[in-house]
């Protein structure tokens, strides 16, 4: 089972992104609090940490204790969903689209600008703009 969590000292924006992402991916969300990454890794094969690092928002995907993918979010565009609920995520990032399928449904839509979008609860939607100089975790 996949899990979405935050950094230990998260902001309201970070928690909102993490909760809506977990909702879209149909997976669990926990507020990390004082739990270490080792504790989380022991309980979940895949998990995503949404954190703020030097002013940027980072999405880091872990698989079996190791980070496998990191994306830096340069802009967050919250919105109101006017159509029906779409589960899973939509992205123009091919590597992300190829890496996430064990965790959730992913729809790849090639575009020049990299983004991740998903629907949250209560008619919310979110579009995260990815930095073109993304980081691949080793």
N, C-alpha and C. Protein backbone atom coordinates (compact mmCIF):
# COMPACT_ATOMS: atom_id res chain seq x y z
N UNK A 1 0.84 -1.18 0.00
CA UNK A 1 0.00 0.00 0.00
C UNK A 1 0.88 1.25 0.00
N UNK A 2 0.47 2.25 -0.71
CA UNK A 2 1.20 3.50 -0.82
C UNK A 2 0.73 4.47 0.26
N UNK A 3 1.62 5.35 0.66
CA UNK A 3 1.34 6.33 1.68
C UNK A 3 1.86 7.68 1.22
N UNK A 4 1.16 8.75 1.57
CA UNK A 4 1.64 10.11 1.34
C UNK A 4 1.78 10.76 2.70
N UNK A 5 2.92 11.41 2.92
CA UNK A 5 3.16 12.08 4.19
C UNK A 5 3.88 13.40 3.92
N UNK A 6 4.17 14.11 4.98
CA UNK A 6 4.81 15.42 4.87
C UNK A 6 6.14 15.40 5.61
N UNK A 7 6.86 16.50 5.51
CA UNK A 7 8.05 16.67 6.33
C UNK A 7 7.60 16.87 7.78
N UNK A 8 8.51 16.79 8.70
CA UNK A 8 8.13 16.94 10.10
C UNK A 8 7.54 18.30 10.41
N UNK A 9 8.13 19.34 9.87
CA UNK A 9 7.64 20.71 10.10
C UNK A 9 6.97 21.20 8.82
N UNK A 10 5.77 20.79 8.63
CA UNK A 10 5.07 21.13 7.39
C UNK A 10 4.23 22.40 7.56
N UNK A 11 3.98 23.03 6.44
CA UNK A 11 3.14 24.24 6.40
C UNK A 11 1.72 23.83 6.00
N UNK A 12 0.75 24.70 6.15
CA UNK A 12 -0.61 24.37 5.70
C UNK A 12 -0.66 24.03 4.21
N UNK A 13 0.12 24.70 3.37
CA UNK A 13 0.14 24.40 1.94
C UNK A 13 0.68 22.99 1.69
N UNK A 14 1.75 22.61 2.36
CA UNK A 14 2.34 21.28 2.21
C UNK A 14 1.33 20.21 2.62
N UNK A 15 0.66 20.42 3.76
CA UNK A 15 -0.34 19.45 4.22
C UNK A 15 -1.50 19.35 3.24
N UNK A 16 -1.93 20.48 2.69
CA UNK A 16 -3.03 20.48 1.73
C UNK A 16 -2.65 19.70 0.46
N UNK A 17 -1.47 19.94 -0.06
CA UNK A 17 -1.00 19.20 -1.24
C UNK A 17 -0.94 17.71 -0.94
N UNK A 18 -0.36 17.35 0.20
CA UNK A 18 -0.21 15.93 0.55
C UNK A 18 -1.56 15.24 0.72
N UNK A 19 -2.50 15.90 1.40
CA UNK A 19 -3.83 15.30 1.61
C UNK A 19 -4.57 15.12 0.28
N UNK A 20 -4.54 16.14 -0.57
CA UNK A 20 -5.22 16.03 -1.86
C UNK A 20 -4.56 15.01 -2.77
N UNK A 21 -3.24 14.92 -2.73
CA UNK A 21 -2.53 13.92 -3.52
C UNK A 21 -2.90 12.51 -3.06
N UNK A 22 -2.95 12.30 -1.76
CA UNK A 22 -3.35 10.99 -1.23
C UNK A 22 -4.78 10.65 -1.64
N UNK A 23 -5.67 11.63 -1.60
CA UNK A 23 -7.05 11.41 -2.03
C UNK A 23 -7.09 11.00 -3.50
N UNK A 24 -6.36 11.72 -4.35
CA UNK A 24 -6.36 11.43 -5.79
C UNK A 24 -5.76 10.06 -6.08
N UNK A 25 -4.74 9.68 -5.33
CA UNK A 25 -4.06 8.41 -5.56
C UNK A 25 -4.78 7.24 -4.89
N UNK A 26 -5.82 7.55 -4.12
CA UNK A 26 -6.57 6.54 -3.37
C UNK A 26 -5.65 5.77 -2.43
N UNK A 27 -4.84 6.51 -1.70
CA UNK A 27 -3.93 5.88 -0.74
C UNK A 27 -4.05 6.61 0.60
N UNK A 28 -3.27 6.19 1.55
CA UNK A 28 -3.33 6.74 2.90
C UNK A 28 -2.50 8.00 3.03
N UNK A 29 -2.91 8.86 3.94
CA UNK A 29 -2.16 10.05 4.31
C UNK A 29 -1.95 10.03 5.81
N UNK A 30 -0.74 10.34 6.25
CA UNK A 30 -0.52 10.53 7.68
C UNK A 30 0.27 11.81 7.88
N UNK A 31 -0.04 12.47 8.96
CA UNK A 31 0.76 13.61 9.38
C UNK A 31 1.98 13.02 10.05
N UNK A 32 3.15 13.37 9.58
CA UNK A 32 4.36 12.69 10.02
C UNK A 32 4.71 12.94 11.48
N UNK A 33 4.56 14.16 11.94
CA UNK A 33 4.89 14.44 13.33
C UNK A 33 6.31 14.03 13.66
N UNK A 34 6.49 13.20 14.66
CA UNK A 34 7.83 12.79 15.08
C UNK A 34 8.26 11.45 14.49
N UNK A 35 7.47 10.88 13.62
CA UNK A 35 7.82 9.59 13.01
C UNK A 35 8.99 9.78 12.05
N UNK A 36 9.93 8.91 12.12
CA UNK A 36 11.07 8.94 11.21
C UNK A 36 10.75 8.24 9.91
N UNK A 37 11.55 8.50 8.89
CA UNK A 37 11.34 7.85 7.60
C UNK A 37 11.55 6.33 7.69
N UNK A 38 12.41 5.90 8.58
CA UNK A 38 12.63 4.45 8.74
C UNK A 38 11.36 3.75 9.21
N UNK A 39 10.66 4.41 10.14
CA UNK A 39 9.40 3.83 10.64
C UNK A 39 8.39 3.68 9.50
N UNK A 40 8.30 4.72 8.69
CA UNK A 40 7.36 4.70 7.56
C UNK A 40 7.79 3.67 6.53
N UNK A 41 9.08 3.62 6.23
CA UNK A 41 9.59 2.68 5.21
C UNK A 41 9.39 1.23 5.64
N UNK A 42 9.45 0.96 6.94
CA UNK A 42 9.24 -0.41 7.41
C UNK A 42 7.80 -0.87 7.21
N UNK A 43 6.86 0.09 7.15
CA UNK A 43 5.44 -0.24 7.04
C UNK A 43 4.90 -0.16 5.63
N UNK A 44 5.61 0.54 4.71
CA UNK A 44 5.09 0.78 3.37
C UNK A 44 6.17 0.58 2.32
N UNK A 45 5.85 -0.19 1.29
CA UNK A 45 6.80 -0.41 0.20
C UNK A 45 7.04 0.87 -0.60
N UNK A 46 5.96 1.58 -0.91
CA UNK A 46 6.04 2.86 -1.60
C UNK A 46 5.50 3.96 -0.70
N UNK A 47 6.17 5.11 -0.68
CA UNK A 47 5.58 6.28 -0.03
C UNK A 47 6.15 7.54 -0.65
N UNK A 48 5.37 8.60 -0.54
CA UNK A 48 5.73 9.90 -1.10
C UNK A 48 5.81 10.89 0.05
N UNK A 49 6.89 11.67 0.08
CA UNK A 49 7.05 12.72 1.07
C UNK A 49 6.93 14.05 0.35
N UNK A 50 6.02 14.89 0.83
CA UNK A 50 5.88 16.25 0.32
C UNK A 50 6.55 17.14 1.36
N UNK A 51 7.58 17.87 0.94
CA UNK A 51 8.34 18.67 1.89
C UNK A 51 8.76 20.00 1.28
N UNK A 52 9.11 20.92 2.15
CA UNK A 52 9.62 22.20 1.68
C UNK A 52 11.12 22.22 1.95
N UNK A 53 11.88 22.54 0.92
CA UNK A 53 13.34 22.54 1.03
C UNK A 53 13.88 23.81 0.39
N UNK A 54 14.45 24.68 1.21
CA UNK A 54 15.01 25.95 0.74
C UNK A 54 14.01 26.75 -0.09
N UNK A 55 12.78 26.82 0.37
CA UNK A 55 11.76 27.61 -0.30
C UNK A 55 11.01 26.88 -1.40
N UNK A 56 11.54 25.77 -1.88
CA UNK A 56 10.87 24.99 -2.92
C UNK A 56 10.09 23.84 -2.29
N UNK A 57 9.04 23.43 -2.96
CA UNK A 57 8.29 22.25 -2.54
C UNK A 57 8.84 21.06 -3.31
N UNK A 58 9.13 19.98 -2.61
CA UNK A 58 9.67 18.78 -3.25
C UNK A 58 8.72 17.61 -3.05
N UNK A 59 8.55 16.82 -4.10
CA UNK A 59 7.85 15.54 -4.01
C UNK A 59 8.92 14.47 -4.17
N UNK A 60 9.06 13.62 -3.16
CA UNK A 60 10.06 12.57 -3.22
C UNK A 60 9.37 11.22 -3.10
N UNK A 61 9.56 10.37 -4.10
CA UNK A 61 8.99 9.02 -4.10
C UNK A 61 10.03 8.04 -3.60
N UNK A 62 9.64 7.26 -2.61
CA UNK A 62 10.52 6.23 -2.04
C UNK A 62 9.97 4.85 -2.39
N UNK A 63 10.87 3.92 -2.62
CA UNK A 63 10.52 2.52 -2.84
C UNK A 63 11.50 1.68 -2.06
N UNK A 64 10.98 0.87 -1.15
CA UNK A 64 11.80 -0.01 -0.31
C UNK A 64 12.96 0.75 0.33
N UNK A 65 12.65 1.75 1.10
CA UNK A 65 13.60 2.53 1.91
C UNK A 65 14.44 3.54 1.13
N UNK A 66 14.42 3.52 -0.18
CA UNK A 66 15.33 4.38 -0.95
C UNK A 66 14.56 5.38 -1.81
N UNK A 67 15.04 6.63 -1.89
CA UNK A 67 14.40 7.59 -2.79
C UNK A 67 14.67 7.21 -4.24
N UNK A 68 13.62 7.17 -5.05
CA UNK A 68 13.79 6.80 -6.46
C UNK A 68 13.51 7.96 -7.40
N UNK A 69 12.81 8.98 -6.93
CA UNK A 69 12.47 10.09 -7.80
C UNK A 69 12.16 11.32 -6.96
N UNK A 70 12.68 12.46 -7.40
CA UNK A 70 12.41 13.73 -6.71
C UNK A 70 12.02 14.76 -7.74
N UNK A 71 10.98 15.51 -7.46
CA UNK A 71 10.53 16.58 -8.34
C UNK A 71 10.40 17.86 -7.52
N UNK A 72 10.90 18.95 -8.09
CA UNK A 72 10.80 20.25 -7.44
C UNK A 72 9.62 21.00 -8.04
N UNK A 73 8.72 21.44 -7.18
CA UNK A 73 7.52 22.15 -7.59
C UNK A 73 7.81 23.65 -7.48
N UNK A 74 7.70 24.34 -8.58
CA UNK A 74 7.98 25.78 -8.58
C UNK A 74 6.74 26.62 -8.38
N UNK A 75 5.58 26.03 -8.67
CA UNK A 75 4.34 26.79 -8.56
C UNK A 75 3.19 25.84 -8.26
N UNK A 76 2.29 26.30 -7.43
CA UNK A 76 1.12 25.52 -7.06
C UNK A 76 -0.12 26.32 -7.47
N UNK A 77 -0.98 25.70 -8.30
CA UNK A 77 -2.17 26.37 -8.79
C UNK A 77 -3.42 25.64 -8.30
N UNK A 78 -3.95 26.02 -7.13
CA UNK A 78 -5.19 25.39 -6.68
C UNK A 78 -6.36 25.89 -7.51
N UNK A 79 -7.35 25.04 -7.66
CA UNK A 79 -8.52 25.43 -8.44
C UNK A 79 -9.77 24.73 -7.96
N UNK A 80 -10.86 25.02 -8.64
CA UNK A 80 -12.15 24.40 -8.36
C UNK A 80 -12.48 23.47 -9.53
N UNK A 81 -12.81 22.22 -9.20
CA UNK A 81 -13.13 21.23 -10.22
C UNK A 81 -14.55 21.48 -10.72
N UNK A 82 -14.68 21.65 -12.02
CA UNK A 82 -16.00 21.91 -12.59
C UNK A 82 -16.58 20.67 -13.26
N UNK A 83 -15.73 19.68 -13.53
CA UNK A 83 -16.21 18.44 -14.14
C UNK A 83 -16.23 17.35 -13.08
N UNK A 84 -16.51 16.13 -13.51
CA UNK A 84 -16.54 15.01 -12.58
C UNK A 84 -15.19 14.70 -11.99
N UNK A 85 -15.19 13.99 -10.88
CA UNK A 85 -13.98 13.60 -10.19
C UNK A 85 -13.16 12.63 -11.03
N UNK A 86 -11.87 12.89 -11.13
CA UNK A 86 -10.94 12.02 -11.85
C UNK A 86 -9.93 11.48 -10.84
N UNK A 87 -9.95 10.17 -10.63
CA UNK A 87 -9.00 9.56 -9.70
C UNK A 87 -7.66 9.36 -10.40
N UNK A 88 -6.59 9.40 -9.62
CA UNK A 88 -5.25 9.27 -10.17
C UNK A 88 -4.69 10.65 -10.49
N UNK A 89 -3.56 10.67 -11.19
CA UNK A 89 -2.95 11.93 -11.54
C UNK A 89 -2.76 12.04 -13.05
N UNK A 90 -2.63 13.27 -13.50
CA UNK A 90 -2.34 13.58 -14.90
C UNK A 90 -1.02 14.34 -14.88
N UNK A 91 -0.09 13.94 -15.75
CA UNK A 91 1.21 14.60 -15.77
C UNK A 91 1.78 14.69 -17.18
N UNK A 92 2.63 15.68 -17.37
CA UNK A 92 3.37 15.80 -18.63
C UNK A 92 4.81 15.36 -18.44
N UNK A 93 5.13 14.84 -17.28
CA UNK A 93 6.47 14.35 -16.94
C UNK A 93 6.53 12.85 -17.24
N UNK A 94 7.21 12.48 -18.31
CA UNK A 94 7.24 11.09 -18.74
C UNK A 94 7.86 10.16 -17.71
N UNK A 95 8.96 10.59 -17.08
CA UNK A 95 9.62 9.75 -16.08
C UNK A 95 8.70 9.53 -14.88
N UNK A 96 8.04 10.56 -14.44
CA UNK A 96 7.09 10.42 -13.35
C UNK A 96 5.94 9.49 -13.74
N UNK A 97 5.46 9.63 -14.95
CA UNK A 97 4.37 8.77 -15.44
C UNK A 97 4.79 7.30 -15.51
N UNK A 98 6.05 7.05 -15.79
CA UNK A 98 6.55 5.67 -15.85
C UNK A 98 6.87 5.11 -14.48
N UNK A 99 7.16 5.96 -13.51
CA UNK A 99 7.58 5.52 -12.18
C UNK A 99 6.40 5.28 -11.24
N UNK A 100 5.33 6.06 -11.36
CA UNK A 100 4.21 6.00 -10.41
C UNK A 100 3.20 4.87 -10.58
N UNK A 101 3.05 4.22 -11.73
CA UNK A 101 1.96 3.26 -11.87
C UNK A 101 1.82 2.19 -10.79
N UNK A 102 2.87 1.71 -10.13
CA UNK A 102 2.61 0.77 -9.03
C UNK A 102 1.85 1.42 -7.88
N UNK A 103 1.90 2.74 -7.80
CA UNK A 103 1.28 3.47 -6.69
C UNK A 103 -0.14 3.92 -7.00
N UNK A 104 -0.40 4.31 -8.24
CA UNK A 104 -1.72 4.84 -8.58
C UNK A 104 -1.89 4.88 -10.10
N UNK A 105 -3.10 5.27 -10.51
CA UNK A 105 -3.37 5.48 -11.94
C UNK A 105 -2.71 6.77 -12.40
N UNK A 106 -2.05 6.71 -13.55
CA UNK A 106 -1.37 7.88 -14.09
C UNK A 106 -1.75 8.03 -15.55
N UNK A 107 -2.09 9.24 -15.91
CA UNK A 107 -2.38 9.55 -17.31
C UNK A 107 -1.29 10.51 -17.79
N UNK A 108 -0.59 10.12 -18.84
CA UNK A 108 0.50 10.93 -19.40
C UNK A 108 -0.03 11.77 -20.55
N UNK A 109 0.17 13.08 -20.46
CA UNK A 109 -0.22 14.00 -21.52
C UNK A 109 1.00 14.86 -21.86
N UNK A 110 1.68 14.54 -22.97
CA UNK A 110 2.89 15.31 -23.29
C UNK A 110 2.59 16.78 -23.55
N UNK A 111 3.36 17.62 -22.90
CA UNK A 111 3.28 19.07 -23.08
C UNK A 111 4.68 19.63 -22.88
N UNK A 112 4.88 20.83 -23.35
CA UNK A 112 6.19 21.47 -23.22
C UNK A 112 6.52 21.74 -21.75
N UNK A 113 5.58 22.30 -21.02
CA UNK A 113 5.79 22.61 -19.60
C UNK A 113 5.43 21.40 -18.75
N UNK A 114 6.29 21.07 -17.78
CA UNK A 114 6.05 19.92 -16.92
C UNK A 114 5.09 20.27 -15.79
N UNK A 115 4.15 19.37 -15.54
CA UNK A 115 3.17 19.59 -14.47
C UNK A 115 2.66 18.26 -13.94
N UNK A 116 2.03 18.32 -12.80
CA UNK A 116 1.27 17.21 -12.21
C UNK A 116 -0.05 17.82 -11.78
N UNK A 117 -1.16 17.22 -12.16
CA UNK A 117 -2.45 17.72 -11.70
C UNK A 117 -3.28 16.56 -11.16
N UNK A 118 -4.15 16.90 -10.22
CA UNK A 118 -4.99 15.88 -9.59
C UNK A 118 -6.18 16.56 -8.93
N UNK A 119 -7.21 15.77 -8.67
CA UNK A 119 -8.43 16.25 -8.03
C UNK A 119 -8.42 15.88 -6.56
N UNK A 120 -8.79 16.83 -5.74
CA UNK A 120 -8.91 16.60 -4.31
C UNK A 120 -10.37 16.47 -3.92
N UNK A 121 -10.64 16.35 -2.64
CA UNK A 121 -12.03 16.29 -2.18
C UNK A 121 -12.70 17.65 -2.26
N UNK A 122 -13.98 17.68 -2.10
CA UNK A 122 -14.79 18.90 -2.04
C UNK A 122 -14.56 19.83 -3.24
N UNK A 123 -14.53 19.23 -4.42
CA UNK A 123 -14.42 19.96 -5.69
C UNK A 123 -13.10 20.73 -5.86
N UNK A 124 -12.09 20.39 -5.07
CA UNK A 124 -10.78 21.03 -5.25
C UNK A 124 -10.01 20.33 -6.35
N UNK A 125 -9.16 21.08 -7.02
CA UNK A 125 -8.21 20.50 -7.96
C UNK A 125 -6.88 21.21 -7.73
N UNK A 126 -5.80 20.57 -8.15
CA UNK A 126 -4.48 21.12 -7.92
C UNK A 126 -3.62 20.85 -9.14
N UNK A 127 -2.87 21.86 -9.55
CA UNK A 127 -1.91 21.73 -10.65
C UNK A 127 -0.57 22.21 -10.11
N UNK A 128 0.40 21.32 -10.11
CA UNK A 128 1.73 21.63 -9.62
C UNK A 128 2.68 21.74 -10.81
N UNK A 129 3.35 22.88 -10.94
CA UNK A 129 4.29 23.09 -12.03
C UNK A 129 5.65 22.58 -11.58
N UNK A 130 6.25 21.72 -12.39
CA UNK A 130 7.52 21.08 -12.06
C UNK A 130 8.66 21.86 -12.69
N UNK A 131 9.72 22.03 -11.92
CA UNK A 131 10.91 22.70 -12.43
C UNK A 131 11.50 21.89 -13.57
N UNK A 132 11.89 22.56 -14.68
CA UNK A 132 12.48 21.83 -15.81
C UNK A 132 13.81 21.20 -15.45
N UNK A 133 14.47 21.67 -14.41
CA UNK A 133 15.73 21.08 -13.97
C UNK A 133 15.50 20.11 -12.83
N UNK A 134 14.57 19.17 -13.01
CA UNK A 134 14.21 18.26 -11.93
C UNK A 134 15.39 17.41 -11.51
N UNK A 135 15.29 16.88 -10.30
CA UNK A 135 16.35 16.08 -9.71
C UNK A 135 15.90 14.64 -9.68
N UNK A 136 16.75 13.74 -10.12
CA UNK A 136 16.48 12.32 -10.00
C UNK A 136 17.23 11.82 -8.76
N UNK A 137 16.51 11.29 -7.80
CA UNK A 137 17.15 10.76 -6.60
C UNK A 137 17.87 9.48 -6.95
N UNK A 138 18.97 9.25 -6.32
CA UNK A 138 19.75 8.04 -6.60
C UNK A 138 19.39 6.91 -5.69
